[in-house]
Amino acid sequence: NENTKNLINYELLKKMKNNCIIINAARGGIINEIDLDKALKENLIFGAGLDVFEVEPPILENPLLNNKKVFLSPHTAAFTEECMTRMGIETVQNIINFFENKIEKSMIVKL
């Protein structure tokens, strides 16, 4: 929301220790992604772990996708039995769609 958007920005990142590793597993948009990429490239902080982005799924032009100091993982908001079953079915369907050329190429993240 507007109260937390860009809560962590370049000015705040400059104040952190250079061995800091920032992790966002909450909501996208809390960390200004452009500022985070800049801070990492300038060695102001050591690294970042993200499983959320301001734009979901992240656009291929997002510089954090290619930043070697960023560890990316899928966002796992819920691990209920129903959710795990649904995720498994969706994963299998995505694999089938990929091999049948039915998946939109922009949905595939190349690292």
N, C-alpha and C. Protein backbone atom coordinates (compact mmCIF):
# COMPACT_ATOMS: atom_id res chain seq x y z
N ASN A 1 0.84 -1.18 0.00
CA ASN A 1 0.00 0.00 0.00
C ASN A 1 0.88 1.24 0.00
N GLU A 2 0.28 2.38 -0.01
CA GLU A 2 1.05 3.63 -0.09
C GLU A 2 1.93 3.87 1.15
N ASN A 3 1.57 3.26 2.28
CA ASN A 3 2.37 3.44 3.50
C ASN A 3 3.65 2.63 3.48
N THR A 4 3.67 1.55 2.70
CA THR A 4 4.86 0.69 2.68
C THR A 4 5.57 0.67 1.33
N LYS A 5 4.99 1.29 0.31
CA LYS A 5 5.62 1.31 -1.02
C LYS A 5 6.96 2.04 -0.94
N ASN A 6 8.00 1.38 -1.46
CA ASN A 6 9.37 1.93 -1.45
C ASN A 6 9.85 2.29 -0.05
N LEU A 7 9.37 1.55 0.94
CA LEU A 7 9.78 1.77 2.32
C LEU A 7 11.30 1.66 2.45
N ILE A 8 11.86 0.69 1.75
CA ILE A 8 13.31 0.52 1.73
C ILE A 8 13.81 1.06 0.40
N ASN A 9 14.54 2.16 0.48
CA ASN A 9 15.02 2.84 -0.72
C ASN A 9 16.53 3.05 -0.63
N TYR A 10 17.07 3.74 -1.62
CA TYR A 10 18.51 3.94 -1.70
C TYR A 10 19.06 4.65 -0.47
N GLU A 11 18.36 5.65 0.02
CA GLU A 11 18.83 6.40 1.19
C GLU A 11 18.96 5.48 2.41
N LEU A 12 18.00 4.60 2.60
CA LEU A 12 18.06 3.66 3.71
C LEU A 12 19.14 2.61 3.47
N LEU A 13 19.25 2.10 2.25
CA LEU A 13 20.25 1.09 1.92
C LEU A 13 21.67 1.62 2.14
N LYS A 14 21.89 2.91 1.90
CA LYS A 14 23.21 3.53 2.13
C LYS A 14 23.61 3.50 3.60
N LYS A 15 22.63 3.45 4.49
CA LYS A 15 22.90 3.47 5.94
C LYS A 15 23.20 2.08 6.50
N MET A 16 22.96 1.04 5.71
CA MET A 16 23.16 -0.33 6.18
C MET A 16 24.63 -0.72 6.10
N LYS A 17 25.01 -1.71 6.89
CA LYS A 17 26.37 -2.24 6.84
C LYS A 17 26.58 -2.93 5.50
N ASN A 18 27.82 -2.91 5.02
CA ASN A 18 28.08 -3.49 3.70
C ASN A 18 28.04 -5.03 3.69
N ASN A 19 27.91 -5.65 4.86
CA ASN A 19 27.75 -7.11 4.90
C ASN A 19 26.28 -7.51 5.10
N CYS A 20 25.39 -6.54 4.97
CA CYS A 20 23.95 -6.77 5.13
C CYS A 20 23.39 -7.60 3.97
N ILE A 21 22.51 -8.51 4.31
CA ILE A 21 21.73 -9.26 3.32
C ILE A 21 20.27 -8.95 3.61
N ILE A 22 19.61 -8.33 2.65
CA ILE A 22 18.22 -7.94 2.84
C ILE A 22 17.32 -9.02 2.24
N ILE A 23 16.27 -9.38 2.96
CA ILE A 23 15.35 -10.42 2.52
C ILE A 23 13.93 -9.85 2.50
N ASN A 24 13.24 -10.07 1.38
CA ASN A 24 11.84 -9.67 1.30
C ASN A 24 11.02 -10.89 0.89
N ALA A 25 10.29 -11.41 1.85
CA ALA A 25 9.37 -12.51 1.60
C ALA A 25 7.96 -12.08 1.98
N ALA A 26 7.76 -10.77 2.05
CA ALA A 26 6.47 -10.23 2.48
C ALA A 26 5.63 -9.83 1.27
N ARG A 27 5.89 -8.65 0.73
CA ARG A 27 5.11 -8.11 -0.39
C ARG A 27 6.05 -7.36 -1.32
N GLY A 28 5.77 -7.46 -2.60
CA GLY A 28 6.51 -6.69 -3.58
C GLY A 28 6.19 -5.23 -3.43
N GLY A 29 7.17 -4.38 -3.76
CA GLY A 29 6.97 -2.95 -3.67
C GLY A 29 7.48 -2.35 -2.37
N ILE A 30 7.71 -3.16 -1.36
CA ILE A 30 8.25 -2.65 -0.10
C ILE A 30 9.67 -2.12 -0.34
N ILE A 31 10.43 -2.87 -1.14
CA ILE A 31 11.79 -2.46 -1.49
C ILE A 31 11.75 -1.84 -2.89
N ASN A 32 12.34 -0.68 -3.04
CA ASN A 32 12.47 -0.08 -4.35
C ASN A 32 13.49 -0.91 -5.12
N GLU A 33 13.05 -1.60 -6.15
CA GLU A 33 13.90 -2.56 -6.86
C GLU A 33 15.05 -1.90 -7.60
N ILE A 34 14.84 -0.74 -8.17
CA ILE A 34 15.91 -0.02 -8.87
C ILE A 34 16.98 0.40 -7.86
N ASP A 35 16.54 0.92 -6.71
CA ASP A 35 17.47 1.32 -5.66
C ASP A 35 18.25 0.12 -5.12
N LEU A 36 17.56 -1.00 -4.94
CA LEU A 36 18.23 -2.20 -4.45
C LEU A 36 19.31 -2.65 -5.43
N ASP A 37 18.99 -2.69 -6.70
CA ASP A 37 19.97 -3.10 -7.71
C ASP A 37 21.17 -2.16 -7.68
N LYS A 38 20.93 -0.87 -7.58
CA LYS A 38 22.01 0.12 -7.54
C LYS A 38 22.88 -0.09 -6.31
N ALA A 39 22.27 -0.29 -5.14
CA ALA A 39 23.02 -0.51 -3.90
C ALA A 39 23.87 -1.77 -3.98
N LEU A 40 23.34 -2.80 -4.58
CA LEU A 40 24.10 -4.05 -4.73
C LEU A 40 25.29 -3.85 -5.67
N LYS A 41 25.07 -3.17 -6.78
CA LYS A 41 26.14 -2.93 -7.75
C LYS A 41 27.23 -2.03 -7.18
N GLU A 42 26.86 -1.14 -6.27
CA GLU A 42 27.83 -0.24 -5.64
C GLU A 42 28.43 -0.86 -4.38
N ASN A 43 28.10 -2.11 -4.09
CA ASN A 43 28.59 -2.84 -2.91
C ASN A 43 28.23 -2.15 -1.60
N LEU A 44 27.10 -1.45 -1.58
CA LEU A 44 26.64 -0.84 -0.33
C LEU A 44 26.12 -1.91 0.62
N ILE A 45 25.54 -2.97 0.07
CA ILE A 45 25.11 -4.13 0.86
C ILE A 45 25.62 -5.38 0.15
N PHE A 46 25.64 -6.49 0.87
CA PHE A 46 26.24 -7.72 0.36
C PHE A 46 25.35 -8.50 -0.60
N GLY A 47 24.06 -8.58 -0.28
CA GLY A 47 23.19 -9.38 -1.12
C GLY A 47 21.72 -9.20 -0.77
N ALA A 48 20.88 -9.94 -1.51
CA ALA A 48 19.44 -9.86 -1.28
C ALA A 48 18.81 -11.21 -1.57
N GLY A 49 17.75 -11.51 -0.85
CA GLY A 49 16.93 -12.70 -1.09
C GLY A 49 15.51 -12.25 -1.31
N LEU A 50 14.94 -12.60 -2.46
CA LEU A 50 13.60 -12.13 -2.81
C LEU A 50 12.72 -13.28 -3.28
N ASP A 51 11.48 -13.26 -2.85
CA ASP A 51 10.49 -14.16 -3.44
C ASP A 51 9.24 -13.40 -3.86
N VAL A 52 9.33 -12.07 -3.82
CA VAL A 52 8.23 -11.21 -4.26
C VAL A 52 8.81 -10.04 -5.05
N PHE A 53 8.01 -9.53 -5.97
CA PHE A 53 8.42 -8.40 -6.79
C PHE A 53 7.27 -7.41 -6.88
N GLU A 54 7.59 -6.17 -7.25
CA GLU A 54 6.54 -5.17 -7.41
C GLU A 54 5.57 -5.58 -8.49
N VAL A 55 6.10 -6.11 -9.59
CA VAL A 55 5.27 -6.62 -10.68
C VAL A 55 5.41 -8.14 -10.68
N GLU A 56 4.31 -8.84 -10.56
CA GLU A 56 4.28 -10.30 -10.54
C GLU A 56 3.56 -10.83 -11.77
N PRO A 57 4.12 -11.76 -12.50
CA PRO A 57 5.51 -12.20 -12.39
C PRO A 57 6.44 -11.08 -12.81
N PRO A 58 7.70 -11.13 -12.36
CA PRO A 58 8.62 -10.03 -12.69
C PRO A 58 8.84 -9.94 -14.20
N ILE A 59 8.97 -8.71 -14.68
CA ILE A 59 9.23 -8.53 -16.11
C ILE A 59 10.69 -8.90 -16.39
N LEU A 60 10.94 -9.37 -17.58
CA LEU A 60 12.29 -9.82 -17.94
C LEU A 60 13.32 -8.71 -17.85
N GLU A 61 12.90 -7.47 -17.98
CA GLU A 61 13.82 -6.33 -17.91
C GLU A 61 14.19 -5.96 -16.48
N ASN A 62 13.60 -6.59 -15.50
CA ASN A 62 13.92 -6.29 -14.10
C ASN A 62 15.39 -6.63 -13.86
N PRO A 63 16.22 -5.63 -13.52
CA PRO A 63 17.66 -5.88 -13.37
C PRO A 63 18.01 -6.86 -12.26
N LEU A 64 17.13 -7.03 -11.30
CA LEU A 64 17.41 -7.96 -10.20
C LEU A 64 17.45 -9.41 -10.67
N LEU A 65 16.79 -9.72 -11.77
CA LEU A 65 16.79 -11.09 -12.28
C LEU A 65 18.17 -11.51 -12.76
N ASN A 66 19.00 -10.54 -13.12
CA ASN A 66 20.35 -10.84 -13.62
C ASN A 66 21.45 -10.44 -12.66
N ASN A 67 21.09 -9.94 -11.50
CA ASN A 67 22.08 -9.51 -10.52
C ASN A 67 22.57 -10.74 -9.75
N LYS A 68 23.86 -11.00 -9.84
CA LYS A 68 24.45 -12.20 -9.22
C LYS A 68 24.42 -12.16 -7.69
N LYS A 69 24.09 -11.02 -7.12
CA LYS A 69 24.04 -10.89 -5.67
C LYS A 69 22.63 -11.10 -5.11
N VAL A 70 21.71 -11.52 -5.98
CA VAL A 70 20.32 -11.71 -5.57
C VAL A 70 19.97 -13.18 -5.67
N PHE A 71 19.43 -13.71 -4.58
CA PHE A 71 18.92 -15.08 -4.56
C PHE A 71 17.41 -14.99 -4.73
N LEU A 72 16.89 -15.66 -5.75
CA LEU A 72 15.46 -15.62 -6.05
C LEU A 72 14.82 -16.96 -5.72
N SER A 73 13.63 -16.91 -5.19
CA SER A 73 12.88 -18.14 -4.94
C SER A 73 11.40 -17.86 -5.17
N PRO A 74 10.63 -18.90 -5.45
CA PRO A 74 9.20 -18.68 -5.65
C PRO A 74 8.52 -18.29 -4.34
N HIS A 75 7.54 -17.43 -4.43
CA HIS A 75 6.78 -17.01 -3.25
C HIS A 75 5.84 -18.14 -2.84
N THR A 76 5.94 -18.56 -1.61
CA THR A 76 5.09 -19.64 -1.11
C THR A 76 4.27 -19.12 0.05
N ALA A 77 3.17 -18.50 -0.29
CA ALA A 77 2.35 -17.85 0.72
C ALA A 77 1.59 -18.84 1.59
N ALA A 78 1.30 -20.02 1.06
CA ALA A 78 0.50 -20.98 1.84
C ALA A 78 0.93 -22.40 1.51
N PHE A 79 1.00 -23.22 2.53
CA PHE A 79 1.34 -24.62 2.33
C PHE A 79 0.26 -25.52 2.91
N THR A 80 -0.98 -25.19 2.61
CA THR A 80 -2.05 -26.07 3.03
C THR A 80 -2.07 -27.27 2.09
N GLU A 81 -2.72 -28.34 2.49
CA GLU A 81 -2.82 -29.52 1.64
C GLU A 81 -3.50 -29.18 0.32
N GLU A 82 -4.56 -28.38 0.40
CA GLU A 82 -5.28 -27.99 -0.82
C GLU A 82 -4.40 -27.15 -1.75
N CYS A 83 -3.65 -26.24 -1.16
CA CYS A 83 -2.77 -25.38 -1.95
C CYS A 83 -1.67 -26.22 -2.62
N MET A 84 -1.09 -27.13 -1.89
CA MET A 84 -0.03 -27.97 -2.44
C MET A 84 -0.57 -28.82 -3.60
N THR A 85 -1.78 -29.35 -3.46
CA THR A 85 -2.40 -30.13 -4.55
C THR A 85 -2.62 -29.25 -5.76
N ARG A 86 -3.18 -28.08 -5.54
CA ARG A 86 -3.43 -27.13 -6.64
C ARG A 86 -2.13 -26.72 -7.33
N MET A 87 -1.09 -26.45 -6.55
CA MET A 87 0.19 -26.06 -7.12
C MET A 87 0.78 -27.21 -7.94
N GLY A 88 0.65 -28.42 -7.47
CA GLY A 88 1.15 -29.57 -8.21
C GLY A 88 0.45 -29.74 -9.54
N ILE A 89 -0.86 -29.60 -9.52
CA ILE A 89 -1.65 -29.71 -10.76
C ILE A 89 -1.26 -28.61 -11.74
N GLU A 90 -1.12 -27.37 -11.23
CA GLU A 90 -0.73 -26.26 -12.09
C GLU A 90 0.67 -26.46 -12.67
N THR A 91 1.57 -26.99 -11.87
CA THR A 91 2.94 -27.24 -12.35
C THR A 91 2.94 -28.25 -13.48
N VAL A 92 2.22 -29.35 -13.29
CA VAL A 92 2.14 -30.38 -14.34
C VAL A 92 1.49 -29.80 -15.59
N GLN A 93 0.43 -29.02 -15.42
CA GLN A 93 -0.23 -28.41 -16.57
C GLN A 93 0.71 -27.44 -17.29
N ASN A 94 1.51 -26.69 -16.55
CA ASN A 94 2.48 -25.79 -17.17
C ASN A 94 3.52 -26.56 -17.98
N ILE A 95 3.97 -27.69 -17.48
CA ILE A 95 4.93 -28.51 -18.20
C ILE A 95 4.30 -29.03 -19.49
N ILE A 96 3.08 -29.53 -19.40
CA ILE A 96 2.37 -30.00 -20.60
C ILE A 96 2.21 -28.86 -21.59
N ASN A 97 1.77 -27.70 -21.11
CA ASN A 97 1.59 -26.54 -21.99
C ASN A 97 2.90 -26.13 -22.66
N PHE A 98 4.00 -26.21 -21.93
CA PHE A 98 5.29 -25.86 -22.50
C PHE A 98 5.63 -26.78 -23.68
N PHE A 99 5.51 -28.06 -23.48
CA PHE A 99 5.86 -29.01 -24.53
C PHE A 99 4.87 -29.01 -25.69
N GLU A 100 3.68 -28.52 -25.45
CA GLU A 100 2.69 -28.40 -26.53
C GLU A 100 2.68 -26.98 -27.12
N ASN A 101 3.69 -26.18 -26.78
CA ASN A 101 3.81 -24.80 -27.26
C ASN A 101 2.56 -23.96 -26.98
N LYS A 102 1.95 -24.19 -25.85
CA LYS A 102 0.75 -23.46 -25.46
C LYS A 102 1.04 -22.43 -24.37
N ILE A 103 2.29 -22.29 -23.99
CA ILE A 103 2.61 -21.36 -22.91
C ILE A 103 3.21 -20.09 -23.52
N GLU A 104 2.78 -18.96 -23.01
CA GLU A 104 3.27 -17.68 -23.51
C GLU A 104 4.75 -17.55 -23.16
N LYS A 105 5.58 -17.25 -24.14
CA LYS A 105 7.04 -17.21 -23.96
C LYS A 105 7.45 -16.18 -22.91
N SER A 106 6.69 -15.12 -22.75
CA SER A 106 7.05 -14.09 -21.75
C SER A 106 6.90 -14.61 -20.33
N MET A 107 6.22 -15.73 -20.15
CA MET A 107 6.03 -16.32 -18.82
C MET A 107 7.23 -17.15 -18.38
N ILE A 108 8.18 -17.41 -19.30
CA ILE A 108 9.35 -18.24 -18.99
C ILE A 108 10.49 -17.32 -18.61
N VAL A 109 11.00 -17.50 -17.40
CA VAL A 109 12.13 -16.70 -16.92
C VAL A 109 13.41 -17.42 -17.26
N LYS A 110 14.28 -16.75 -17.98
CA LYS A 110 15.59 -17.32 -18.33
C LYS A 110 16.63 -16.69 -17.43
N LEU A 111 17.33 -17.52 -16.67
CA LEU A 111 18.37 -17.00 -15.77
C LEU A 111 19.73 -17.19 -16.38
